[in-house]
């Protein structure tokens, strides 16, 4: 929301907050301007954009964690196989 937001946009924001947890986020002003431009073009809103970004980040972190676990498992397997050869 911009500081000069109308009452109607404030009330719609309150409706969005009732469906989820309210958080405070500090963003680079250039990034925020880009987000605002995109959400205006796409007919979306900041809340939806930030929620989508966080969901994507969570999926990426989970995927990275699974890859890390697979690497550890592979290293253990390789070490076990090497032990049998000695």
Protein backbone atom coordinates (compact mmCIF):
# COMPACT_ATOMS: atom_id res chain seq x y z
CA UNK A 1 0.00 0.00 0.00
CA UNK A 2 1.18 3.50 -0.70
CA UNK A 3 0.93 6.16 2.01
CA UNK A 4 -1.81 7.92 0.02
CA UNK A 5 -4.02 4.84 -0.34
CA UNK A 6 -7.76 5.33 -0.31
CA UNK A 7 -10.02 4.01 2.44
CA UNK A 8 -11.46 1.41 0.09
CA UNK A 9 -8.05 -0.14 -0.58
CA UNK A 10 -7.31 -0.11 3.15
CA UNK A 11 -10.52 -2.00 3.86
CA UNK A 12 -9.76 -4.57 1.14
CA UNK A 13 -6.32 -5.00 2.68
CA UNK A 14 -7.98 -5.68 6.05
CA UNK A 15 -10.03 -8.40 4.37
CA UNK A 16 -6.86 -10.00 3.00
CA UNK A 17 -5.22 -9.91 6.41
CA UNK A 18 -8.17 -11.70 7.98
CA UNK A 19 -7.38 -14.73 5.78
CA UNK A 20 -3.70 -14.92 6.70
CA UNK A 21 -1.04 -13.81 9.10
CA UNK A 22 0.05 -10.19 8.91
CA UNK A 23 3.77 -9.59 8.52
CA UNK A 24 6.00 -6.60 7.94
CA UNK A 25 8.56 -6.74 5.13
CA UNK A 26 11.26 -4.23 4.25
CA UNK A 27 12.02 -4.15 0.52
CA UNK A 28 14.40 -2.30 -1.72
CA UNK A 29 12.44 0.69 -3.14
CA UNK A 30 13.35 -0.25 -6.72
CA UNK A 31 12.09 -3.80 -6.21
CA UNK A 32 8.87 -2.50 -4.65
CA UNK A 33 8.33 -0.17 -7.62
CA UNK A 34 8.83 -3.10 -10.00
CA UNK A 35 6.40 -5.25 -8.02
CA UNK A 36 3.83 -2.44 -8.03
CA UNK A 37 4.22 -1.99 -11.78
CA UNK A 38 3.80 -5.72 -12.43
CA UNK A 39 0.81 -6.20 -10.15
CA UNK A 40 -0.88 -3.22 -11.81
CA UNK A 41 -0.27 -4.72 -15.26
CA UNK A 42 -1.43 -8.18 -14.19
CA UNK A 43 -4.39 -7.08 -12.09
CA UNK A 44 -2.94 -8.68 -8.98
CA UNK A 45 -1.87 -7.21 -5.63
CA UNK A 46 1.22 -7.00 -3.46
CA UNK A 47 -0.06 -9.54 -0.94
CA UNK A 48 -0.56 -12.14 -3.64
CA UNK A 49 2.82 -11.37 -5.24
CA UNK A 50 4.71 -11.65 -1.95
CA UNK A 51 2.85 -14.81 -0.94
CA UNK A 52 3.64 -16.39 -4.32
CA UNK A 53 7.30 -15.43 -3.99
CA UNK A 54 7.50 -16.96 -0.52
CA UNK A 55 5.79 -20.15 -1.67
CA UNK A 56 8.27 -20.45 -4.54
CA UNK A 57 11.18 -19.82 -2.17
CA UNK A 58 9.91 -22.52 0.20
CA UNK A 59 9.61 -25.06 -2.63
CA UNK A 60 13.13 -24.21 -3.82
CA UNK A 61 14.53 -24.59 -0.30
CA UNK A 62 12.78 -27.93 0.15
CA UNK A 63 14.11 -29.15 -3.20
CA UNK A 64 17.63 -27.99 -2.32
CA UNK A 65 17.37 -29.79 1.03
CA UNK A 66 16.28 -33.02 -0.69
CA UNK A 67 19.21 -32.78 -3.12
CA UNK A 68 21.55 -32.27 -0.17
CA UNK A 69 20.12 -35.33 1.60
CA UNK A 70 20.53 -37.35 -1.60
CA UNK A 71 24.16 -36.23 -1.89
CA UNK A 72 24.82 -37.30 1.71
CA UNK A 73 23.18 -40.67 1.04
CA UNK A 74 25.27 -41.12 -2.11
CA UNK A 75 28.46 -40.24 -0.23
CA UNK A 76 27.60 -42.79 2.48
CA UNK A 77 26.90 -45.40 -0.18
CA UNK A 78 30.17 -44.62 -1.97
CA UNK A 79 32.09 -44.82 1.32
CA UNK A 80 30.46 -48.16 2.15
CA UNK A 81 31.32 -49.55 -1.30
CA UNK A 82 34.92 -48.37 -0.95
CA UNK A 83 35.15 -50.04 2.46
CA UNK A 84 34.16 -53.37 0.95
CA UNK A 85 36.90 -53.10 -1.66
CA UNK A 86 39.68 -52.66 0.87
